[in-house]
PDB file of N, CA and C in Angstrom:
ATOM      1  N   MET A   1     111.280 -67.735 107.842  1.00  0.00           N
ATOM      2  CA  MET A   1     110.018 -68.391 108.166  1.00  0.00           C
ATOM      3  C   MET A   1     108.863 -67.539 107.637  1.00  0.00           C
ATOM      4  N   ARG A   2     107.966 -68.179 106.944  1.00  0.00           N
ATOM      5  CA  ARG A   2     106.841 -67.482 106.336  1.00  0.00           C
ATOM      6  C   ARG A   2     105.560 -67.798 107.106  1.00  0.00           C
ATOM      7  N   PHE A   3     104.748 -66.774 107.339  1.00  0.00           N
ATOM      8  CA  PHE A   3     103.469 -66.940 108.032  1.00  0.00           C
ATOM      9  C   PHE A   3     102.462 -67.492 107.040  1.00  0.00           C
ATOM     10  N   GLN A   4     101.980 -68.697 107.301  1.00  0.00           N
ATOM     11  CA  GLN A   4     101.057 -69.340 106.384  1.00  0.00           C
ATOM     12  C   GLN A   4      99.621 -69.186 106.890  1.00  0.00           C
ATOM     13  N   VAL A   5      98.764 -68.683 106.028  1.00  0.00           N
ATOM     14  CA  VAL A   5      97.361 -68.473 106.369  1.00  0.00           C
ATOM     15  C   VAL A   5      96.558 -69.658 105.865  1.00  0.00           C
ATOM     16  N   THR A   6      95.737 -70.224 106.755  1.00  0.00           N
ATOM     17  CA  THR A   6      94.895 -71.357 106.374  1.00  0.00           C
ATOM     18  C   THR A   6      93.424 -70.924 106.387  1.00  0.00           C
ATOM     19  N   PRO A   7      92.576 -71.649 105.656  1.00  0.00           N
ATOM     20  CA  PRO A   7      91.145 -71.283 105.640  1.00  0.00           C
ATOM     21  C   PRO A   7      90.498 -71.312 107.032  1.00  0.00           C
ATOM     22  N   GLY A   8      90.900 -72.253 107.859  1.00  0.00           N
ATOM     23  CA  GLY A   8      90.348 -72.317 109.212  1.00  0.00           C
ATOM     24  C   GLY A   8      90.735 -71.116 110.049  1.00  0.00           C
ATOM     25  N   MET A   9      91.964 -70.653 109.874  1.00  0.00           N
ATOM     26  CA  MET A   9      92.405 -69.459 110.595  1.00  0.00           C
ATOM     27  C   MET A   9      91.569 -68.257 110.179  1.00  0.00           C
ATOM     28  N   ARG A  10      91.277 -68.164 108.891  1.00  0.00           N
ATOM     29  CA  ARG A  10      90.463 -67.037 108.407  1.00  0.00           C
ATOM     30  C   ARG A  10      89.062 -67.084 108.996  1.00  0.00           C
ATOM     31  N   ARG A  11      88.471 -68.266 109.007  1.00  0.00           N
ATOM     32  CA  ARG A  11      87.099 -68.394 109.533  1.00  0.00           C
ATOM     33  C   ARG A  11      87.036 -68.071 111.025  1.00  0.00           C
ATOM     34  N   LEU A  12      87.907 -68.700 111.790  1.00  0.00           N
ATOM     35  CA  LEU A  12      87.881 -68.456 113.239  1.00  0.00           C
ATOM     36  C   LEU A  12      88.284 -67.023 113.574  1.00  0.00           C
ATOM     37  N   GLY A  13      89.298 -66.512 112.902  1.00  0.00           N
ATOM     38  CA  GLY A  13      89.735 -65.136 113.147  1.00  0.00           C
ATOM     39  C   GLY A  13      88.655 -64.126 112.808  1.00  0.00           C
ATOM     40  N   ALA A  14      87.976 -64.344 111.680  1.00  0.00           N
ATOM     41  CA  ALA A  14      86.894 -63.435 111.288  1.00  0.00           C
ATOM     42  C   ALA A  14      85.746 -63.495 112.286  1.00  0.00           C
ATOM     43  N   SER A  15      85.479 -64.675 112.827  1.00  0.00           N
ATOM     44  CA  SER A  15      84.420 -64.802 113.833  1.00  0.00           C
ATOM     45  C   SER A  15      84.761 -64.008 115.090  1.00  0.00           C
ATOM     46  N   VAL A  16      85.993 -64.141 115.543  1.00  0.00           N
ATOM     47  CA  VAL A  16      86.419 -63.413 116.745  1.00  0.00           C
ATOM     48  C   VAL A  16      86.365 -61.904 116.491  1.00  0.00           C
ATOM     49  N   LEU A  17      86.896 -61.469 115.362  1.00  0.00           N
ATOM     50  CA  LEU A  17      86.914 -60.035 115.075  1.00  0.00           C
ATOM     51  C   LEU A  17      85.516 -59.479 114.842  1.00  0.00           C
ATOM     52  N   GLY A  18      84.638 -60.264 114.252  1.00  0.00           N
ATOM     53  CA  GLY A  18      83.256 -59.814 114.056  1.00  0.00           C
ATOM     54  C   GLY A  18      82.535 -59.593 115.373  1.00  0.00           C
ATOM     55  N   MET A  19      82.679 -60.542 116.274  1.00  0.00           N
ATOM     56  CA  MET A  19      82.046 -60.377 117.593  1.00  0.00           C
ATOM     57  C   MET A  19      82.688 -59.224 118.367  1.00  0.00           C
ATOM     58  N   GLU A  20      83.985 -59.072 118.207  1.00  0.00           N
ATOM     59  CA  GLU A  20      84.675 -57.984 118.896  1.00  0.00           C
ATOM     60  C   GLU A  20      84.230 -56.619 118.360  1.00  0.00           C
ATOM     61  N   ALA A  21      83.944 -56.539 117.070  1.00  0.00           N
ATOM     62  CA  ALA A  21      83.451 -55.282 116.488  1.00  0.00           C
ATOM     63  C   ALA A  21      82.095 -54.912 117.085  1.00  0.00           C
ATOM     64  N   ILE A  22      81.245 -55.913 117.297  1.00  0.00           N
ATOM     65  CA  ILE A  22      79.939 -55.651 117.917  1.00  0.00           C
ATOM     66  C   ILE A  22      80.119 -55.141 119.345  1.00  0.00           C
ATOM     67  N   VAL A  23      80.991 -55.788 120.097  1.00  0.00           N
ATOM     68  CA  VAL A  23      81.237 -55.362 121.483  1.00  0.00           C
ATOM     69  C   VAL A  23      81.841 -53.953 121.496  1.00  0.00           C
ATOM     70  N   ALA A  24      82.728 -53.665 120.558  1.00  0.00           N
ATOM     71  CA  ALA A  24      83.333 -52.328 120.492  1.00  0.00           C
ATOM     72  C   ALA A  24      82.268 -51.267 120.231  1.00  0.00           C
ATOM     73  N   GLY A  25      81.308 -51.578 119.395  1.00  0.00           N
ATOM     74  CA  GLY A  25      80.209 -50.639 119.164  1.00  0.00           C
ATOM     75  C   GLY A  25      79.351 -50.443 120.395  1.00  0.00           C
ATOM     76  N   LEU A  26      79.173 -51.506 121.156  1.00  0.00           N
ATOM     77  CA  LEU A  26      78.361 -51.411 122.378  1.00  0.00           C
ATOM     78  C   LEU A  26      79.092 -50.720 123.524  1.00  0.00           C
ATOM     79  N   VAL A  27      80.396 -50.567 123.393  1.00  0.00           N
ATOM     80  CA  VAL A  27      81.165 -49.852 124.420  1.00  0.00           C
ATOM     81  C   VAL A  27      80.793 -48.371 124.424  1.00  0.00           C
ATOM     82  N   ILE A  28      80.409 -47.850 123.280  1.00  0.00           N
ATOM     83  CA  ILE A  28      80.141 -46.408 123.156  1.00  0.00           C
ATOM     84  C   ILE A  28      79.062 -45.941 124.135  1.00  0.00           C
ATOM     85  N   PRO A  29      77.849 -46.509 124.120  1.00  0.00           N
ATOM     86  CA  PRO A  29      76.844 -46.005 125.070  1.00  0.00           C
ATOM     87  C   PRO A  29      77.191 -46.299 126.528  1.00  0.00           C
ATOM     88  N   VAL A  30      77.880 -47.405 126.760  1.00  0.00           N
ATOM     89  CA  VAL A  30      78.266 -47.725 128.143  1.00  0.00           C
ATOM     90  C   VAL A  30      79.281 -46.706 128.644  1.00  0.00           C
ATOM     91  N   ALA A  31      80.262 -46.382 127.816  1.00  0.00           N
ATOM     92  CA  ALA A  31      81.273 -45.405 128.228  1.00  0.00           C
ATOM     93  C   ALA A  31      80.654 -44.048 128.512  1.00  0.00           C
ATOM     94  N   ILE A  32      79.662 -43.658 127.712  1.00  0.00           N
ATOM     95  CA  ILE A  32      79.037 -42.345 127.890  1.00  0.00           C
ATOM     96  C   ILE A  32      78.144 -42.324 129.119  1.00  0.00           C
ATOM     97  N   SER A  33      77.244 -43.314 129.228  1.00  0.00           N
ATOM     98  CA  SER A  33      76.254 -43.260 130.311  1.00  0.00           C
ATOM     99  C   SER A  33      76.781 -43.761 131.649  1.00  0.00           C
ATOM    100  N   VAL A  34      77.528 -44.814 131.639  1.00  0.00           N
ATOM    101  CA  VAL A  34      78.005 -45.384 132.905  1.00  0.00           C
ATOM    102  C   VAL A  34      79.366 -44.818 133.302  1.00  0.00           C
ATOM    103  N   GLY A  35      80.264 -44.721 132.309  1.00  0.00           N
ATOM    104  CA  GLY A  35      81.626 -44.289 132.603  1.00  0.00           C
ATOM    105  C   GLY A  35      81.818 -42.790 132.662  1.00  0.00           C
ATOM    106  N   GLY A  36      80.846 -42.027 132.171  1.00  0.00           N
ATOM    107  CA  GLY A  36      80.967 -40.574 132.182  1.00  0.00           C
ATOM    108  C   GLY A  36      82.040 -40.050 131.242  1.00  0.00           C
ATOM    109  N   VAL A  37      82.351 -40.810 130.205  1.00  0.00           N
ATOM    110  CA  VAL A  37      83.365 -40.409 129.231  1.00  0.00           C
ATOM    111  C   VAL A  37      82.742 -39.400 128.271  1.00  0.00           C
ATOM    112  N   LEU A  38      83.530 -38.463 127.815  1.00  0.00           N
ATOM    113  CA  LEU A  38      83.043 -37.500 126.828  1.00  0.00           C
ATOM    114  C   LEU A  38      82.563 -38.246 125.583  1.00  0.00           C
ATOM    115  N   PRO A  39      81.406 -37.870 125.052  1.00  0.00           N
ATOM    116  CA  PRO A  39      80.873 -38.580 123.884  1.00  0.00           C
ATOM    117  C   PRO A  39      81.825 -38.643 122.690  1.00  0.00           C
ATOM    118  N   VAL A  40      82.552 -37.570 122.437  1.00  0.00           N
ATOM    119  CA  VAL A  40      83.481 -37.563 121.301  1.00  0.00           C
ATOM    120  C   VAL A  40      84.561 -38.621 121.487  1.00  0.00           C
ATOM    121  N   LEU A  41      85.093 -38.723 122.686  1.00  0.00           N
ATOM    122  CA  LEU A  41      86.132 -39.711 122.967  1.00  0.00           C
ATOM    123  C   LEU A  41      85.569 -41.127 122.888  1.00  0.00           C
ATOM    124  N   ALA A  42      84.395 -41.332 123.448  1.00  0.00           N
ATOM    125  CA  ALA A  42      83.784 -42.659 123.435  1.00  0.00           C
ATOM    126  C   ALA A  42      83.488 -43.121 122.014  1.00  0.00           C
ATOM    127  N   VAL A  43      82.943 -42.236 121.196  1.00  0.00           N
ATOM    128  CA  VAL A  43      82.625 -42.594 119.805  1.00  0.00           C
ATOM    129  C   VAL A  43      83.904 -42.844 119.017  1.00  0.00           C
ATOM    130  N   THR A  44      84.913 -42.015 119.223  1.00  0.00           N
ATOM    131  CA  THR A  44      86.172 -42.192 118.500  1.00  0.00           C
ATOM    132  C   THR A  44      86.817 -43.533 118.822  1.00  0.00           C
ATOM    133  N   VAL A  45      86.904 -43.854 120.095  1.00  0.00           N
ATOM    134  CA  VAL A  45      87.552 -45.105 120.495  1.00  0.00           C
ATOM    135  C   VAL A  45      86.702 -46.310 120.102  1.00  0.00           C
ATOM    136  N   GLY A  46      85.418 -46.282 120.420  1.00  0.00           N
ATOM    137  CA  GLY A  46      84.552 -47.420 120.129  1.00  0.00           C
ATOM    138  C   GLY A  46      84.404 -47.680 118.641  1.00  0.00           C
ATOM    139  N   ALA A  47      84.123 -46.631 117.880  1.00  0.00           N
ATOM    140  CA  ALA A  47      83.962 -46.788 116.435  1.00  0.00           C
ATOM    141  C   ALA A  47      85.301 -47.111 115.773  1.00  0.00           C
ATOM    142  N   GLY A  48      86.362 -46.518 116.273  1.00  0.00           N
ATOM    143  CA  GLY A  48      87.695 -46.816 115.726  1.00  0.00           C
ATOM    144  C   GLY A  48      88.070 -48.274 115.907  1.00  0.00           C
ATOM    145  N   LEU A  49      87.795 -48.805 117.094  1.00  0.00           N
ATOM    146  CA  LEU A  49      88.082 -50.218 117.341  1.00  0.00           C
ATOM    147  C   LEU A  49      87.203 -51.113 116.483  1.00  0.00           C
ATOM    148  N   ALA A  50      85.936 -50.759 116.345  1.00  0.00           N
ATOM    149  CA  ALA A  50      85.027 -51.558 115.518  1.00  0.00           C
ATOM    150  C   ALA A  50      85.486 -51.569 114.061  1.00  0.00           C
ATOM    151  N   VAL A  51      85.871 -50.418 113.544  1.00  0.00           N
ATOM    152  CA  VAL A  51      86.344 -50.337 112.158  1.00  0.00           C
ATOM    153  C   VAL A  51      87.647 -51.124 111.994  1.00  0.00           C
ATOM    154  N   LEU A  52      88.537 -51.011 112.956  1.00  0.00           N
ATOM    155  CA  LEU A  52      89.794 -51.763 112.908  1.00  0.00           C
ATOM    156  C   LEU A  52      89.527 -53.264 112.850  1.00  0.00           C
ATOM    157  N   CYS A  53      88.576 -53.728 113.647  1.00  0.00           N
ATOM    158  CA  CYS A  53      88.227 -55.153 113.640  1.00  0.00           C
ATOM    159  C   CYS A  53      87.660 -55.589 112.296  1.00  0.00           C
ATOM    160  N   VAL A  54      86.791 -54.779 111.724  1.00  0.00           N
ATOM    161  CA  VAL A  54      86.173 -55.122 110.433  1.00  0.00           C
ATOM    162  C   VAL A  54      87.228 -55.116 109.322  1.00  0.00           C
ATOM    163  N   VAL A  55      88.106 -54.127 109.325  1.00  0.00           N
ATOM    164  CA  VAL A  55      89.163 -54.059 108.306  1.00  0.00           C
ATOM    165  C   VAL A  55      90.107 -55.252 108.451  1.00  0.00           C
ATOM    166  N   ALA A  56      90.481 -55.559 109.689  1.00  0.00           N
ATOM    167  CA  ALA A  56      91.370 -56.705 109.912  1.00  0.00           C
ATOM    168  C   ALA A  56      90.705 -57.996 109.452  1.00  0.00           C
ATOM    169  N   ALA A  57      89.420 -58.160 109.733  1.00  0.00           N
ATOM    170  CA  ALA A  57      88.707 -59.361 109.298  1.00  0.00           C
ATOM    171  C   ALA A  57      88.684 -59.457 107.777  1.00  0.00           C
ATOM    172  N   GLY A  58      88.576 -58.341 107.106  1.00  0.00           N
ATOM    173  CA  GLY A  58      88.572 -58.341 105.654  1.00  0.00           C
ATOM    174  C   GLY A  58      89.923 -58.651 105.044  1.00  0.00           C
ATOM    175  N   LEU A  59      90.981 -58.436 105.802  1.00  0.00           N
ATOM    176  CA  LEU A  59      92.337 -58.673 105.289  1.00  0.00           C
ATOM    177  C   LEU A  59      92.948 -59.985 105.772  1.00  0.00           C
ATOM    178  N   LEU A  60      92.140 -60.885 106.302  1.00  0.00           N
ATOM    179  CA  LEU A  60      92.693 -62.107 106.875  1.00  0.00           C
ATOM    180  C   LEU A  60      93.240 -63.098 105.847  1.00  0.00           C
ATOM    181  N   LYS A  61      93.114 -62.806 104.574  1.00  0.00           N
ATOM    182  CA  LYS A  61      93.742 -63.662 103.567  1.00  0.00           C
ATOM    183  C   LYS A  61      95.244 -63.392 103.488  1.00  0.00           C
ATOM    184  N   LYS A  62      95.656 -62.262 104.049  1.00  0.00           N
ATOM    185  CA  LYS A  62      97.058 -61.861 104.013  1.00  0.00           C
ATOM    186  C   LYS A  62      97.586 -61.756 105.442  1.00  0.00           C
ATOM    187  N   PRO A  63      98.885 -61.911 105.633  1.00  0.00           N
ATOM    188  CA  PRO A  63      99.460 -61.797 106.985  1.00  0.00           C
ATOM    189  C   PRO A  63      99.204 -60.447 107.658  1.00  0.00           C
ATOM    190  N   ILE A  64      99.056 -59.365 106.885  1.00  0.00           N
ATOM    191  CA  ILE A  64      98.807 -58.048 107.476  1.00  0.00           C
ATOM    192  C   ILE A  64      97.500 -58.040 108.266  1.00  0.00           C
ATOM    193  N   GLY A  65      96.544 -58.850 107.861  1.00  0.00           N
ATOM    194  CA  GLY A  65      95.276 -58.939 108.580  1.00  0.00           C
ATOM    195  C   GLY A  65      95.476 -59.451 110.001  1.00  0.00           C
ATOM    196  N   TYR A  66      96.405 -60.382 110.165  1.00  0.00           N
ATOM    197  CA  TYR A  66      96.673 -60.924 111.494  1.00  0.00           C
ATOM    198  C   TYR A  66      97.435 -59.932 112.354  1.00  0.00           C
ATOM    199  N   LEU A  67      98.264 -59.121 111.722  1.00  0.00           N
ATOM    200  CA  LEU A  67      98.938 -58.053 112.454  1.00  0.00           C
ATOM    201  C   LEU A  67      97.920 -57.021 112.935  1.00  0.00           C
ATOM    202  N   LEU A  68      97.015 -56.608 112.048  1.00  0.00           N
ATOM    203  CA  LEU A  68      95.968 -55.655 112.440  1.00  0.00           C
ATOM    204  C   LEU A  68      95.040 -56.258 113.494  1.00  0.00           C
ATOM    205  N   GLY A  69      94.737 -57.541 113.362  1.00  0.00           N
ATOM    206  CA  GLY A  69      93.908 -58.208 114.367  1.00  0.00           C
ATOM    207  C   GLY A  69      94.578 -58.221 115.731  1.00  0.00           C
ATOM    208  N   SER A  70      95.884 -58.407 115.734  1.00  0.00           N
ATOM    209  CA  SER A  70      96.625 -58.389 117.003  1.00  0.00           C
ATOM    210  C   SER A  70      96.656 -56.988 117.604  1.00  0.00           C
ATOM    211  N   VAL A  71      96.791 -55.983 116.749  1.00  0.00           N
ATOM    212  CA  VAL A  71      96.727 -54.593 117.224  1.00  0.00           C
ATOM    213  C   VAL A  71      95.348 -54.313 117.813  1.00  0.00           C
ATOM    214  N   ALA A  72      94.311 -54.851 117.182  1.00  0.00           N
ATOM    215  CA  ALA A  72      92.947 -54.665 117.689  1.00  0.00           C
ATOM    216  C   ALA A  72      92.800 -55.268 119.089  1.00  0.00           C
ATOM    217  N   GLN A  73      93.493 -56.370 119.346  1.00  0.00           N
ATOM    218  CA  GLN A  73      93.409 -56.977 120.676  1.00  0.00           C
ATOM    219  C   GLN A  73      94.041 -56.066 121.727  1.00  0.00           C
ATOM    220  N   VAL A  74      95.161 -55.459 121.381  1.00  0.00           N
ATOM    221  CA  VAL A  74      95.823 -54.538 122.315  1.00  0.00           C
ATOM    222  C   VAL A  74      94.939 -53.316 122.560  1.00  0.00           C
ATOM    223  N   VAL A  75      94.341 -52.791 121.501  1.00  0.00           N
ATOM    224  CA  VAL A  75      93.457 -51.620 121.637  1.00  0.00           C
ATOM    225  C   VAL A  75      92.233 -51.981 122.480  1.00  0.00           C
ATOM    226  N   ALA A  76      91.704 -53.193 122.290  1.00  0.00           N
ATOM    227  CA  ALA A  76      90.532 -53.618 123.063  1.00  0.00           C
ATOM    228  C   ALA A  76      90.861 -53.672 124.556  1.00  0.00           C
ATOM    229  N   ILE A  77      92.029 -54.180 124.888  1.00  0.00           N
ATOM    230  CA  ILE A  77      92.427 -54.215 126.308  1.00  0.00           C
ATOM    231  C   ILE A  77      92.638 -52.792 126.823  1.00  0.00           C
ATOM    232  N   ALA A  78      93.256 -51.936 126.009  1.00  0.00           N
ATOM    233  CA  ALA A  78      93.502 -50.553 126.428  1.00  0.00           C
ATOM    234  C   ALA A  78      92.205 -49.760 126.580  1.00  0.00           C
ATOM    235  N   THR A  79      91.139 -50.199 125.924  1.00  0.00           N
ATOM    236  CA  THR A  79      89.835 -49.547 126.075  1.00  0.00           C
ATOM    237  C   THR A  79      89.340 -49.663 127.518  1.00  0.00           C
ATOM    238  N   GLY A  80      89.935 -50.561 128.268  1.00  0.00           N
ATOM    239  CA  GLY A  80      89.594 -50.701 129.676  1.00  0.00           C
ATOM    240  C   GLY A  80      89.855 -49.447 130.494  1.00  0.00           C
ATOM    241  N   PHE A  81      90.685 -48.554 129.976  1.00  0.00           N
ATOM    242  CA  PHE A  81      90.898 -47.293 130.688  1.00  0.00           C
ATOM    243  C   PHE A  81      89.670 -46.386 130.602  1.00  0.00           C
ATOM    244  N   LEU A  82      88.816 -46.620 129.601  1.00  0.00           N
ATOM    245  CA  LEU A  82      87.555 -45.878 129.501  1.00  0.00           C
ATOM    246  C   LEU A  82      86.421 -46.616 130.207  1.00  0.00           C
ATOM    247  N   VAL A  83      86.330 -47.905 129.943  1.00  0.00           N
ATOM    248  CA  VAL A  83      85.307 -48.764 130.547  1.00  0.00           C
ATOM    249  C   VAL A  83      86.047 -49.940 131.185  1.00  0.00           C
ATOM    250  N   PRO A  84      86.189 -49.961 132.505  1.00  0.00           N
ATOM    251  CA  PRO A  84      87.008 -50.987 133.162  1.00  0.00           C
ATOM    252  C   PRO A  84      86.649 -52.432 132.813  1.00  0.00           C
ATOM    253  N   THR A  85      85.418 -52.699 132.467  1.00  0.00           N
ATOM    254  CA  THR A  85      85.031 -54.057 132.091  1.00  0.00           C
ATOM    255  C   THR A  85      85.771 -54.511 130.840  1.00  0.00           C
ATOM    256  N   MET A  86      86.203 -53.572 130.014  1.00  0.00           N
ATOM    257  CA  MET A  86      86.921 -53.934 128.786  1.00  0.00           C
ATOM    258  C   MET A  86      88.296 -54.527 129.061  1.00  0.00           C
ATOM    259  N   PHE A  87      88.860 -54.307 130.241  1.00  0.00           N
ATOM    260  CA  PHE A  87      90.095 -55.018 130.578  1.00  0.00           C
ATOM    261  C   PHE A  87      89.830 -56.522 130.530  1.00  0.00           C
ATOM    262  N   PHE A  88      88.724 -56.929 131.132  1.00  0.00           N
ATOM    263  CA  PHE A  88      88.342 -58.340 131.144  1.00  0.00           C
ATOM    264  C   PHE A  88      87.933 -58.822 129.755  1.00  0.00           C
ATOM    265  N   LEU A  89      87.022 -58.090 129.105  1.00  0.00           N
ATOM    266  CA  LEU A  89      86.544 -58.510 127.783  1.00  0.00           C
ATOM    267  C   LEU A  89      87.660 -58.487 126.736  1.00  0.00           C
ATOM    268  N   GLY A  90      88.516 -57.499 126.796  1.00  0.00           N
ATOM    269  CA  GLY A  90      89.648 -57.434 125.865  1.00  0.00           C
ATOM    270  C   GLY A  90      90.589 -58.609 126.036  1.00  0.00           C
ATOM    271  N   THR A  91      90.813 -59.002 127.281  1.00  0.00           N
ATOM    272  CA  THR A  91      91.658 -60.167 127.545  1.00  0.00           C
ATOM    273  C   THR A  91      91.003 -61.431 127.024  1.00  0.00           C
ATOM    274  N   ILE A  92      89.703 -61.555 127.194  1.00  0.00           N
ATOM    275  CA  ILE A  92      88.975 -62.718 126.671  1.00  0.00           C
ATOM    276  C   ILE A  92      89.092 -62.767 125.150  1.00  0.00           C
ATOM    277  N   PHE A  93      88.886 -61.632 124.482  1.00  0.00           N
ATOM    278  CA  PHE A  93      88.997 -61.611 123.024  1.00  0.00           C
ATOM    279  C   PHE A  93      90.421 -61.895 122.564  1.00  0.00           C
ATOM    280  N   ALA A  94      91.412 -61.402 123.289  1.00  0.00           N
ATOM    281  CA  ALA A  94      92.804 -61.696 122.929  1.00  0.00           C
ATOM    282  C   ALA A  94      93.083 -63.194 123.057  1.00  0.00           C
ATOM    283  N   ALA A  95      92.560 -63.816 124.111  1.00  0.00           N
ATOM    284  CA  ALA A  95      92.735 -65.264 124.270  1.00  0.00           C
ATOM    285  C   ALA A  95      92.029 -66.023 123.151  1.00  0.00           C
ATOM    286  N   LEU A  96      90.837 -65.579 122.772  1.00  0.00           N
ATOM    287  CA  LEU A  96      90.126 -66.213 121.658  1.00  0.00           C
ATOM    288  C   LEU A  96      90.886 -66.026 120.347  1.00  0.00           C
ATOM    289  N   TRP A  97      91.479 -64.867 120.153  1.00  0.00           N
ATOM    290  CA  TRP A  97      92.242 -64.577 118.951  1.00  0.00           C
ATOM    291  C   TRP A  97      93.444 -65.525 118.844  1.00  0.00           C
ATOM    292  N   ILE A  98      94.190 -65.642 119.923  1.00  0.00           N
ATOM    293  CA  ILE A  98      95.359 -66.532 119.938  1.00  0.00           C
ATOM    294  C   ILE A  98      94.929 -67.977 119.742  1.00  0.00           C
ATOM    295  N   THR A  99      93.867 -68.363 120.414  1.00  0.00           N
ATOM    296  CA  THR A  99      93.353 -69.728 120.276  1.00  0.00           C
ATOM    297  C   THR A  99      92.899 -69.997 118.853  1.00  0.00           C
ATOM    298  N   ALA A 100      92.239 -69.039 118.233  1.00  0.00           N
ATOM    299  CA  ALA A 100      91.757 -69.220 116.855  1.00  0.00           C
ATOM    300  C   ALA A 100      92.913 -69.491 115.907  1.00  0.00           C
ATOM    301  N   ILE A 101      94.006 -68.791 116.095  1.00  0.00           N
ATOM    302  CA  ILE A 101      95.154 -68.977 115.207  1.00  0.00           C
ATOM    303  C   ILE A 101      95.804 -70.337 115.433  1.00  0.00           C
ATOM    304  N   PHE A 102      96.104 -70.660 116.678  1.00  0.00           N
ATOM    305  CA  PHE A 102      96.846 -71.887 116.944  1.00  0.00           C
ATOM    306  C   PHE A 102      96.007 -73.144 116.790  1.00  0.00           C
ATOM    307  N   VAL A 103      94.760 -73.104 117.221  1.00  0.00           N
ATOM    308  CA  VAL A 103      93.909 -74.285 117.102  1.00  0.00           C
ATOM    309  C   VAL A 103      93.618 -74.583 115.635  1.00  0.00           C
ATOM    310  N   ALA A 104      93.321 -73.572 114.854  1.00  0.00           N
ATOM    311  CA  ALA A 104      93.043 -73.793 113.428  1.00  0.00           C
ATOM    312  C   ALA A 104      94.263 -74.371 112.730  1.00  0.00           C
ATOM    313  N   ARG A 105      95.440 -73.879 113.032  1.00  0.00           N
ATOM    314  CA  ARG A 105      96.665 -74.411 112.424  1.00  0.00           C
ATOM    315  C   ARG A 105      96.852 -75.876 112.812  1.00  0.00           C
ATOM    316  N   ARG A 106      96.648 -76.172 114.082  1.00  0.00           N
ATOM    317  CA  ARG A 106      96.843 -77.541 114.550  1.00  0.00           C
ATOM    318  C   ARG A 106      95.840 -78.491 113.921  1.00  0.00           C
ATOM    319  N   VAL A 107      94.563 -78.081 113.907  1.00  0.00           N
ATOM    320  CA  VAL A 107      93.520 -78.950 113.353  1.00  0.00           C
ATOM    321  C   VAL A 107      93.743 -79.170 111.859  1.00  0.00           C
ATOM    322  N   GLU A 108      94.061 -78.117 111.141  1.00  0.00           N
ATOM    323  CA  GLU A 108      94.277 -78.278 109.710  1.00  0.00           C
ATOM    324  C   GLU A 108      95.567 -79.024 109.404  1.00  0.00           C
ATOM    325  N   GLY A 109      96.539 -78.933 110.291  1.00  0.00           N
ATOM    326  CA  GLY A 109      97.771 -79.708 110.114  1.00  0.00           C
ATOM    327  C   GLY A 109      97.508 -81.194 110.279  1.00  0.00           C
ATOM    328  N   VAL A 110      96.647 -81.553 111.225  1.00  0.00           N
ATOM    329  CA  VAL A 110      96.314 -82.955 111.468  1.00  0.00           C
ATOM    330  C   VAL A 110      95.459 -83.522 110.337  1.00  0.00           C
ATOM    331  N   THR A 111      94.491 -82.748 109.854  1.00  0.00           N
ATOM    332  CA  THR A 111      93.594 -83.262 108.825  1.00  0.00           C
ATOM    333  C   THR A 111      94.259 -83.318 107.450  1.00  0.00           C
ATOM    334  N   SER A 112      95.339 -82.572 107.234  1.00  0.00           N
ATOM    335  CA  SER A 112      95.982 -82.591 105.920  1.00  0.00           C
ATOM    336  C   SER A 112      96.956 -83.741 105.756  1.00  0.00           C
ATOM    337  N   ARG A 113      97.244 -84.475 106.804  1.00  0.00           N
ATOM    338  CA  ARG A 113      98.188 -85.600 106.722  1.00  0.00           C
ATOM    339  C   ARG A 113      97.593 -86.791 106.085  1.00  0.00           C
TER     340      ARG A 113
END
């Protein structure tokens, strides 16, 4: 079975990952000021997640982009150990990620008939 990438999946996936990259960047000051996390750790995790999201969005023409995007969802949820609100936000982004893949496939499957 081959993973088929559709234009709708790329658009929706890139939208989810783009917004997630912004939220990942905003986690940095929250983790430092509210969470009391060491600045080095907060910057490493927040910037690392943001870069991962941007790289994954850039690779969405290939199946590896979806693998990296899925890894980004796991990392976003795990960021909740630094900022507890990220457990909730990471879960929301993971649900949006899954929805983007399946809904785009379904819609494009219906319109191509």
